[in-house]
């Protein structure tokens, strides 16, 4: 089964955990890109920027899992659902 994960600091992942999306730490990101059960990884723009260039390229080229990078504007502006729909084409939080 493909699972959706929120990846990042607790401040970022807490809201996802409240709606039932499991959270993982950024240190696990590279490993998660190779996990079979990871379908979608939700990552903050800040978390993406902190990664080294090689891992950023791997994230950019990843087909499975799909990596959704959310900007601070998406998160604070309440447009989280819209940002995910734009990235994936479907409403996975429905």
PDB file of N, CA and C in Angstrom:
ATOM      1  N   UNK A   1       0.836  -1.184   0.000  1.00  0.00           N
ATOM      2  CA  UNK A   1       0.000   0.000   0.000  1.00  0.00           C
ATOM      3  C   UNK A   1       0.880   1.247   0.000  1.00  0.00           C
ATOM      4  N   UNK A   2       0.534   2.208  -0.831  1.00  0.00           N
ATOM      5  CA  UNK A   2       1.275   3.468  -0.876  1.00  0.00           C
ATOM      6  C   UNK A   2       0.782   4.396   0.222  1.00  0.00           C
ATOM      7  N   UNK A   3       1.730   4.938   0.971  1.00  0.00           N
ATOM      8  CA  UNK A   3       1.406   5.769   2.116  1.00  0.00           C
ATOM      9  C   UNK A   3       1.849   7.204   1.865  1.00  0.00           C
ATOM     10  N   UNK A   4       1.091   8.141   2.428  1.00  0.00           N
ATOM     11  CA  UNK A   4       1.456   9.549   2.398  1.00  0.00           C
ATOM     12  C   UNK A   4       2.187   9.846   3.695  1.00  0.00           C
ATOM     13  N   UNK A   5       3.330  10.521   3.605  1.00  0.00           N
ATOM     14  CA  UNK A   5       4.098  10.916   4.777  1.00  0.00           C
ATOM     15  C   UNK A   5       4.359  12.415   4.736  1.00  0.00           C
ATOM     16  N   UNK A   6       4.318  13.050   5.901  1.00  0.00           N
ATOM     17  CA  UNK A   6       4.783  14.424   6.049  1.00  0.00           C
ATOM     18  C   UNK A   6       6.209  14.330   6.587  1.00  0.00           C
ATOM     19  N   UNK A   7       7.118  15.045   5.946  1.00  0.00           N
ATOM     20  CA  UNK A   7       8.529  14.942   6.314  1.00  0.00           C
ATOM     21  C   UNK A   7       9.037  16.308   6.764  1.00  0.00           C
ATOM     22  N   UNK A   8       9.598  16.359   7.965  1.00  0.00           N
ATOM     23  CA  UNK A   8      10.160  17.627   8.418  1.00  0.00           C
ATOM     24  C   UNK A   8      10.138  17.793   9.916  1.00  0.00           C
ATOM     25  N   UNK A   9      10.290  19.045  10.309  1.00  0.00           N
ATOM     26  CA  UNK A   9      10.295  19.412  11.722  1.00  0.00           C
ATOM     27  C   UNK A   9       8.884  19.265  12.297  1.00  0.00           C
ATOM     28  N   UNK A  10       8.801  19.151  13.608  1.00  0.00           N
ATOM     29  CA  UNK A  10       7.516  18.936  14.267  1.00  0.00           C
ATOM     30  C   UNK A  10       6.515  20.054  13.967  1.00  0.00           C
ATOM     31  N   UNK A  11       6.988  21.304  13.886  1.00  0.00           N
ATOM     32  CA  UNK A  11       6.087  22.420  13.597  1.00  0.00           C
ATOM     33  C   UNK A  11       5.396  22.233  12.250  1.00  0.00           C
ATOM     34  N   UNK A  12       6.090  21.639  11.297  1.00  0.00           N
ATOM     35  CA  UNK A  12       5.543  21.420   9.961  1.00  0.00           C
ATOM     36  C   UNK A  12       4.619  20.204   9.936  1.00  0.00           C
ATOM     37  N   UNK A  13       5.021  19.131  10.585  1.00  0.00           N
ATOM     38  CA  UNK A  13       4.300  17.865  10.464  1.00  0.00           C
ATOM     39  C   UNK A  13       3.104  17.724  11.399  1.00  0.00           C
ATOM     40  N   UNK A  14       3.008  18.534  12.433  1.00  0.00           N
ATOM     41  CA  UNK A  14       1.977  18.375  13.444  1.00  0.00           C
ATOM     42  C   UNK A  14       0.562  18.387  12.857  1.00  0.00           C
ATOM     43  N   UNK A  15       0.272  19.336  12.016  1.00  0.00           N
ATOM     44  CA  UNK A  15      -1.060  19.416  11.415  1.00  0.00           C
ATOM     45  C   UNK A  15      -1.399  18.185  10.595  1.00  0.00           C
ATOM     46  N   UNK A  16      -0.419  17.652   9.899  1.00  0.00           N
ATOM     47  CA  UNK A  16      -0.641  16.435   9.114  1.00  0.00           C
ATOM     48  C   UNK A  16      -0.937  15.255  10.025  1.00  0.00           C
ATOM     49  N   UNK A  17      -0.191  15.177  11.124  1.00  0.00           N
ATOM     50  CA  UNK A  17      -0.415  14.089  12.077  1.00  0.00           C
ATOM     51  C   UNK A  17      -1.827  14.156  12.656  1.00  0.00           C
ATOM     52  N   UNK A  18      -2.330  15.356  12.875  1.00  0.00           N
ATOM     53  CA  UNK A  18      -3.679  15.512  13.425  1.00  0.00           C
ATOM     54  C   UNK A  18      -4.764  14.976  12.500  1.00  0.00           C
ATOM     55  N   UNK A  19      -4.483  14.942  11.197  1.00  0.00           N
ATOM     56  CA  UNK A  19      -5.461  14.380  10.252  1.00  0.00           C
ATOM     57  C   UNK A  19      -5.101  12.953   9.843  1.00  0.00           C
ATOM     58  N   UNK A  20      -4.138  12.364  10.552  1.00  0.00           N
ATOM     59  CA  UNK A  20      -3.828  10.951  10.331  1.00  0.00           C
ATOM     60  C   UNK A  20      -2.698  10.648   9.373  1.00  0.00           C
ATOM     61  N   UNK A  21      -1.971  11.658   8.926  1.00  0.00           N
ATOM     62  CA  UNK A  21      -0.830  11.420   8.038  1.00  0.00           C
ATOM     63  C   UNK A  21       0.413  11.250   8.898  1.00  0.00           C
ATOM     64  N   UNK A  22       1.089  10.104   8.789  1.00  0.00           N
ATOM     65  CA  UNK A  22       2.277   9.884   9.620  1.00  0.00           C
ATOM     66  C   UNK A  22       3.412  10.837   9.272  1.00  0.00           C
ATOM     67  N   UNK A  23       4.221  11.154  10.277  1.00  0.00           N
ATOM     68  CA  UNK A  23       5.332  12.086  10.095  1.00  0.00           C
ATOM     69  C   UNK A  23       6.653  11.351  10.181  1.00  0.00           C
ATOM     70  N   UNK A  24       7.626  11.857   9.451  1.00  0.00           N
ATOM     71  CA  UNK A  24       8.986  11.361   9.498  1.00  0.00           C
ATOM     72  C   UNK A  24       9.927  12.551   9.576  1.00  0.00           C
ATOM     73  N   UNK A  25      11.128  12.325  10.112  1.00  0.00           N
ATOM     74  CA  UNK A  25      12.136  13.386  10.228  1.00  0.00           C
ATOM     75  C   UNK A  25      12.848  13.579   8.887  1.00  0.00           C
ATOM     76  N   UNK A  26      13.393  14.780   8.681  1.00  0.00           N
ATOM     77  CA  UNK A  26      14.114  15.085   7.436  1.00  0.00           C
ATOM     78  C   UNK A  26      15.320  14.177   7.237  1.00  0.00           C
ATOM     79  N   UNK A  27      15.917  13.714   8.328  1.00  0.00           N
ATOM     80  CA  UNK A  27      17.082  12.831   8.229  1.00  0.00           C
ATOM     81  C   UNK A  27      16.731  11.518   7.530  1.00  0.00           C
ATOM     82  N   UNK A  28      15.460  11.177   7.501  1.00  0.00           N
ATOM     83  CA  UNK A  28      15.005   9.934   6.881  1.00  0.00           C
ATOM     84  C   UNK A  28      14.623  10.110   5.411  1.00  0.00           C
ATOM     85  N   UNK A  29      14.691  11.325   4.916  1.00  0.00           N
ATOM     86  CA  UNK A  29      14.192  11.640   3.577  1.00  0.00           C
ATOM     87  C   UNK A  29      14.848  10.799   2.487  1.00  0.00           C
ATOM     88  N   UNK A  30      16.151  10.725   2.492  1.00  0.00           N
ATOM     89  CA  UNK A  30      16.835   9.980   1.421  1.00  0.00           C
ATOM     90  C   UNK A  30      16.442   8.508   1.436  1.00  0.00           C
ATOM     91  N   UNK A  31      16.340   7.928   2.606  1.00  0.00           N
ATOM     92  CA  UNK A  31      15.921   6.530   2.723  1.00  0.00           C
ATOM     93  C   UNK A  31      14.493   6.357   2.223  1.00  0.00           C
ATOM     94  N   UNK A  32      13.645   7.316   2.553  1.00  0.00           N
ATOM     95  CA  UNK A  32      12.243   7.228   2.159  1.00  0.00           C
ATOM     96  C   UNK A  32      12.052   7.290   0.645  1.00  0.00           C
ATOM     97  N   UNK A  33      12.954   7.946  -0.051  1.00  0.00           N
ATOM     98  CA  UNK A  33      12.844   8.016  -1.513  1.00  0.00           C
ATOM     99  C   UNK A  33      12.992   6.639  -2.150  1.00  0.00           C
ATOM    100  N   UNK A  34      13.534   5.691  -1.403  1.00  0.00           N
ATOM    101  CA  UNK A  34      13.726   4.334  -1.919  1.00  0.00           C
ATOM    102  C   UNK A  34      12.766   3.315  -1.322  1.00  0.00           C
ATOM    103  N   UNK A  35      11.908   3.737  -0.400  1.00  0.00           N
ATOM    104  CA  UNK A  35      10.974   2.818   0.237  1.00  0.00           C
ATOM    105  C   UNK A  35       9.814   2.482  -0.688  1.00  0.00           C
ATOM    106  N   UNK A  36       9.421   1.227  -0.683  1.00  0.00           N
ATOM    107  CA  UNK A  36       8.340   0.767  -1.557  1.00  0.00           C
ATOM    108  C   UNK A  36       6.975   1.298  -1.130  1.00  0.00           C
ATOM    109  N   UNK A  37       6.749   1.454   0.180  1.00  0.00           N
ATOM    110  CA  UNK A  37       5.413   1.859   0.622  1.00  0.00           C
ATOM    111  C   UNK A  37       5.183   3.362   0.569  1.00  0.00           C
ATOM    112  N   UNK A  38       6.209   4.152   0.323  1.00  0.00           N
ATOM    113  CA  UNK A  38       6.055   5.609   0.264  1.00  0.00           C
ATOM    114  C   UNK A  38       5.474   5.996  -1.091  1.00  0.00           C
ATOM    115  N   UNK A  39       4.272   6.563  -1.067  1.00  0.00           N
ATOM    116  CA  UNK A  39       3.637   6.996  -2.303  1.00  0.00           C
ATOM    117  C   UNK A  39       3.777   8.486  -2.523  1.00  0.00           C
ATOM    118  N   UNK A  40       3.581   9.253  -1.439  1.00  0.00           N
ATOM    119  CA  UNK A  40       3.669  10.708  -1.506  1.00  0.00           C
ATOM    120  C   UNK A  40       4.418  11.201  -0.276  1.00  0.00           C
ATOM    121  N   UNK A  41       5.386  12.063  -0.488  1.00  0.00           N
ATOM    122  CA  UNK A  41       6.117  12.706   0.598  1.00  0.00           C
ATOM    123  C   UNK A  41       5.800  14.197   0.547  1.00  0.00           C
ATOM    124  N   UNK A  42       5.348  14.746   1.659  1.00  0.00           N
ATOM    125  CA  UNK A  42       5.044  16.169   1.740  1.00  0.00           C
ATOM    126  C   UNK A  42       6.176  16.830   2.508  1.00  0.00           C
ATOM    127  N   UNK A  43       6.844  17.778   1.881  1.00  0.00           N
ATOM    128  CA  UNK A  43       8.042  18.408   2.423  1.00  0.00           C
ATOM    129  C   UNK A  43       7.904  19.921   2.340  1.00  0.00           C
ATOM    130  N   UNK A  44       8.407  20.617   3.339  1.00  0.00           N
ATOM    131  CA  UNK A  44       8.356  22.080   3.289  1.00  0.00           C
ATOM    132  C   UNK A  44       9.453  22.603   2.359  1.00  0.00           C
ATOM    133  N   UNK A  45       9.232  23.798   1.828  1.00  0.00           N
ATOM    134  CA  UNK A  45      10.253  24.438   0.986  1.00  0.00           C
ATOM    135  C   UNK A  45      11.549  24.591   1.767  1.00  0.00           C
ATOM    136  N   UNK A  46      11.447  24.953   3.036  1.00  0.00           N
ATOM    137  CA  UNK A  46      12.623  25.107   3.892  1.00  0.00           C
ATOM    138  C   UNK A  46      13.365  23.776   4.041  1.00  0.00           C
ATOM    139  N   UNK A  47      12.621  22.705   4.236  1.00  0.00           N
ATOM    140  CA  UNK A  47      13.235  21.386   4.361  1.00  0.00           C
ATOM    141  C   UNK A  47      13.939  20.970   3.078  1.00  0.00           C
ATOM    142  N   UNK A  48      13.334  21.302   1.944  1.00  0.00           N
ATOM    143  CA  UNK A  48      13.942  21.001   0.646  1.00  0.00           C
ATOM    144  C   UNK A  48      15.239  21.788   0.469  1.00  0.00           C
ATOM    145  N   UNK A  49      15.198  23.072   0.793  1.00  0.00           N
ATOM    146  CA  UNK A  49      16.355  23.946   0.615  1.00  0.00           C
ATOM    147  C   UNK A  49      17.541  23.512   1.472  1.00  0.00           C
ATOM    148  N   UNK A  50      17.270  22.925   2.639  1.00  0.00           N
ATOM    149  CA  UNK A  50      18.339  22.486   3.544  1.00  0.00           C
ATOM    150  C   UNK A  50      19.085  21.249   3.035  1.00  0.00           C
ATOM    151  N   UNK A  51      18.506  20.532   2.081  1.00  0.00           N
ATOM    152  CA  UNK A  51      19.135  19.304   1.590  1.00  0.00           C
ATOM    153  C   UNK A  51      20.300  19.643   0.652  1.00  0.00           C
ATOM    154  N   UNK A  52      21.270  18.727   0.575  1.00  0.00           N
ATOM    155  CA  UNK A  52      22.393  18.960  -0.333  1.00  0.00           C
ATOM    156  C   UNK A  52      21.921  18.791  -1.780  1.00  0.00           C
ATOM    157  N   UNK A  53      22.672  19.377  -2.699  1.00  0.00           N
ATOM    158  CA  UNK A  53      22.267  19.451  -4.113  1.00  0.00           C
ATOM    159  C   UNK A  53      21.966  18.073  -4.711  1.00  0.00           C
ATOM    160  N   UNK A  54      22.751  17.071  -4.361  1.00  0.00           N
ATOM    161  CA  UNK A  54      22.538  15.729  -4.913  1.00  0.00           C
ATOM    162  C   UNK A  54      21.160  15.195  -4.516  1.00  0.00           C
ATOM    163  N   UNK A  55      20.789  15.414  -3.253  1.00  0.00           N
ATOM    164  CA  UNK A  55      19.482  14.941  -2.796  1.00  0.00           C
ATOM    165  C   UNK A  55      18.355  15.785  -3.392  1.00  0.00           C
ATOM    166  N   UNK A  56      18.584  17.081  -3.567  1.00  0.00           N
ATOM    167  CA  UNK A  56      17.576  17.915  -4.219  1.00  0.00           C
ATOM    168  C   UNK A  56      17.312  17.418  -5.643  1.00  0.00           C
ATOM    169  N   UNK A  57      18.361  17.041  -6.353  1.00  0.00           N
ATOM    170  CA  UNK A  57      18.189  16.506  -7.707  1.00  0.00           C
ATOM    171  C   UNK A  57      17.406  15.203  -7.686  1.00  0.00           C
ATOM    172  N   UNK A  58      17.694  14.362  -6.714  1.00  0.00           N
ATOM    173  CA  UNK A  58      16.978  13.098  -6.588  1.00  0.00           C
ATOM    174  C   UNK A  58      15.499  13.346  -6.305  1.00  0.00           C
ATOM    175  N   UNK A  59      15.217  14.328  -5.453  1.00  0.00           N
ATOM    176  CA  UNK A  59      13.834  14.700  -5.148  1.00  0.00           C
ATOM    177  C   UNK A  59      13.150  15.219  -6.412  1.00  0.00           C
ATOM    178  N   UNK A  60      13.813  16.101  -7.138  1.00  0.00           N
ATOM    179  CA  UNK A  60      13.245  16.689  -8.354  1.00  0.00           C
ATOM    180  C   UNK A  60      12.935  15.634  -9.410  1.00  0.00           C
ATOM    181  N   UNK A  61      13.710  14.581  -9.468  1.00  0.00           N
ATOM    182  CA  UNK A  61      13.549  13.556 -10.486  1.00  0.00           C
ATOM    183  C   UNK A  61      12.684  12.381 -10.034  1.00  0.00           C
ATOM    184  N   UNK A  62      12.290  12.384  -8.778  1.00  0.00           N
ATOM    185  CA  UNK A  62      11.529  11.268  -8.233  1.00  0.00           C
ATOM    186  C   UNK A  62      10.140  11.175  -8.856  1.00  0.00           C
ATOM    187  N   UNK A  63       9.823  10.001  -9.343  1.00  0.00           N
ATOM    188  CA  UNK A  63       8.492   9.727  -9.885  1.00  0.00           C
ATOM    189  C   UNK A  63       7.656   9.008  -8.828  1.00  0.00           C
ATOM    190  N   UNK A  64       8.267   8.078  -8.136  1.00  0.00           N
ATOM    191  CA  UNK A  64       7.638   7.393  -7.013  1.00  0.00           C
ATOM    192  C   UNK A  64       8.674   7.249  -5.937  1.00  0.00           C
ATOM    193  N   UNK A  65       8.479   7.817  -4.812  1.00  0.00           N
ATOM    194  CA  UNK A  65       7.296   8.556  -4.397  1.00  0.00           C
ATOM    195  C   UNK A  65       7.247   9.949  -5.018  1.00  0.00           C
ATOM    196  N   UNK A  66       6.054  10.469  -5.104  1.00  0.00           N
ATOM    197  CA  UNK A  66       5.864  11.852  -5.524  1.00  0.00           C
ATOM    198  C   UNK A  66       6.227  12.733  -4.340  1.00  0.00           C
ATOM    199  N   UNK A  67       7.012  13.770  -4.580  1.00  0.00           N
ATOM    200  CA  UNK A  67       7.391  14.684  -3.506  1.00  0.00           C
ATOM    201  C   UNK A  67       6.693  16.016  -3.736  1.00  0.00           C
ATOM    202  N   UNK A  68       5.853  16.400  -2.784  1.00  0.00           N
ATOM    203  CA  UNK A  68       5.128  17.668  -2.833  1.00  0.00           C
ATOM    204  C   UNK A  68       5.872  18.635  -1.927  1.00  0.00           C
ATOM    205  N   UNK A  69       6.347  19.733  -2.494  1.00  0.00           N
ATOM    206  CA  UNK A  69       7.077  20.737  -1.728  1.00  0.00           C
ATOM    207  C   UNK A  69       6.140  21.922  -1.509  1.00  0.00           C
ATOM    208  N   UNK A  70       5.893  22.220  -0.230  1.00  0.00           N
ATOM    209  CA  UNK A  70       4.968  23.296   0.113  1.00  0.00           C
ATOM    210  C   UNK A  70       5.724  24.522   0.596  1.00  0.00           C
ATOM    211  N   UNK A  71       5.384  25.668   0.028  1.00  0.00           N
ATOM    212  CA  UNK A  71       6.004  26.918   0.460  1.00  0.00           C
ATOM    213  C   UNK A  71       5.363  27.383   1.758  1.00  0.00           C
ATOM    214  N   UNK A  72       6.015  28.317   2.424  1.00  0.00           N
ATOM    215  CA  UNK A  72       5.470  28.878   3.658  1.00  0.00           C
ATOM    216  C   UNK A  72       4.158  29.598   3.380  1.00  0.00           C
ATOM    217  N   UNK A  73       4.034  30.208   2.208  1.00  0.00           N
ATOM    218  CA  UNK A  73       2.794  30.889   1.837  1.00  0.00           C
ATOM    219  C   UNK A  73       1.643  29.894   1.740  1.00  0.00           C
ATOM    220  N   UNK A  74       1.913  28.709   1.156  1.00  0.00           N
ATOM    221  CA  UNK A  74       0.884  27.675   1.053  1.00  0.00           C
ATOM    222  C   UNK A  74       0.403  27.260   2.439  1.00  0.00           C
ATOM    223  N   UNK A  75       1.347  27.118   3.353  1.00  0.00           N
ATOM    224  CA  UNK A  75       1.025  26.626   4.691  1.00  0.00           C
ATOM    225  C   UNK A  75       0.307  27.686   5.513  1.00  0.00           C
ATOM    226  N   UNK A  76       0.876  28.882   5.583  1.00  0.00           N
ATOM    227  CA  UNK A  76       0.310  29.937   6.433  1.00  0.00           C
ATOM    228  C   UNK A  76      -0.933  30.558   5.835  1.00  0.00           C
ATOM    229  N   UNK A  77      -1.022  30.580   4.533  1.00  0.00           N
ATOM    230  CA  UNK A  77      -2.164  31.207   3.884  1.00  0.00           C
ATOM    231  C   UNK A  77      -3.400  30.329   3.853  1.00  0.00           C
ATOM    232  N   UNK A  78      -3.285  29.124   4.382  1.00  0.00           N
ATOM    233  CA  UNK A  78      -4.436  28.239   4.405  1.00  0.00           C
ATOM    234  C   UNK A  78      -4.718  27.591   3.063  1.00  0.00           C
ATOM    235  N   UNK A  79      -3.741  27.601   2.188  1.00  0.00           N
ATOM    236  CA  UNK A  79      -3.935  27.041   0.849  1.00  0.00           C
ATOM    237  C   UNK A  79      -3.284  25.668   0.718  1.00  0.00           C
ATOM    238  N   UNK A  80      -3.145  24.974   1.813  1.00  0.00           N
ATOM    239  CA  UNK A  80      -2.475  23.678   1.829  1.00  0.00           C
ATOM    240  C   UNK A  80      -3.162  22.685   0.893  1.00  0.00           C
ATOM    241  N   UNK A  81      -4.460  22.552   1.022  1.00  0.00           N
ATOM    242  CA  UNK A  81      -5.203  21.602   0.183  1.00  0.00           C
ATOM    243  C   UNK A  81      -5.045  21.970  -1.300  1.00  0.00           C
ATOM    244  N   UNK A  82      -5.129  23.258  -1.628  1.00  0.00           N
ATOM    245  CA  UNK A  82      -4.980  23.703  -3.014  1.00  0.00           C
ATOM    246  C   UNK A  82      -3.592  23.394  -3.557  1.00  0.00           C
ATOM    247  N   UNK A  83      -2.572  23.582  -2.727  1.00  0.00           N
ATOM    248  CA  UNK A  83      -1.194  23.305  -3.153  1.00  0.00           C
ATOM    249  C   UNK A  83      -1.003  21.821  -3.443  1.00  0.00           C
ATOM    250  N   UNK A  84      -1.578  20.976  -2.625  1.00  0.00           N
ATOM    251  CA  UNK A  84      -1.459  19.534  -2.844  1.00  0.00           C
ATOM    252  C   UNK A  84      -2.224  19.126  -4.098  1.00  0.00           C
ATOM    253  N   UNK A  85      -3.401  19.685  -4.292  1.00  0.00           N
ATOM    254  CA  UNK A  85      -4.175  19.381  -5.507  1.00  0.00           C
ATOM    255  C   UNK A  85      -3.406  19.824  -6.747  1.00  0.00           C
ATOM    256  N   UNK A  86      -2.794  21.013  -6.708  1.00  0.00           N
ATOM    257  CA  UNK A  86      -1.990  21.499  -7.845  1.00  0.00           C
ATOM    258  C   UNK A  86      -0.835  20.539  -8.151  1.00  0.00           C
ATOM    259  N   UNK A  87      -0.178  20.068  -7.102  1.00  0.00           N
ATOM    260  CA  UNK A  87       0.990  19.202  -7.291  1.00  0.00           C
ATOM    261  C   UNK A  87       0.593  17.811  -7.790  1.00  0.00           C
ATOM    262  N   UNK A  88      -0.513  17.275  -7.281  1.00  0.00           N
ATOM    263  CA  UNK A  88      -0.877  15.897  -7.589  1.00  0.00           C
ATOM    264  C   UNK A  88      -1.983  15.750  -8.623  1.00  0.00           C
ATOM    265  N   UNK A  89      -2.817  16.766  -8.710  1.00  0.00           N
ATOM    266  CA  UNK A  89      -3.950  16.680  -9.627  1.00  0.00           C
ATOM    267  C   UNK A  89      -5.184  16.055  -9.003  1.00  0.00           C
ATOM    268  N   UNK A  90      -5.089  15.620  -7.756  1.00  0.00           N
ATOM    269  CA  UNK A  90      -6.232  15.036  -7.045  1.00  0.00           C
ATOM    270  C   UNK A  90      -6.239  15.529  -5.603  1.00  0.00           C
ATOM    271  N   UNK A  91      -7.390  15.443  -4.978  1.00  0.00           N
ATOM    272  CA  UNK A  91      -7.520  15.851  -3.576  1.00  0.00           C
ATOM    273  C   UNK A  91      -7.346  14.628  -2.686  1.00  0.00           C
ATOM    274  N   UNK A  92      -6.127  14.407  -2.199  1.00  0.00           N
ATOM    275  CA  UNK A  92      -5.840  13.241  -1.366  1.00  0.00           C
ATOM    276  C   UNK A  92      -6.275  13.444   0.088  1.00  0.00           C
ATOM    277  N   UNK A  93      -6.622  14.659   0.462  1.00  0.00           N
ATOM    278  CA  UNK A  93      -7.037  14.936   1.832  1.00  0.00           C
ATOM    279  C   UNK A  93      -8.548  14.869   1.995  1.00  0.00           C
ATOM    280  N   UNK A  94      -9.242  14.491   0.945  1.00  0.00           N
ATOM    281  CA  UNK A  94     -10.709  14.433   0.947  1.00  0.00           C
ATOM    282  C   UNK A  94     -11.198  13.372   1.897  1.00  0.00           C
TER     283      UNK A  94
END
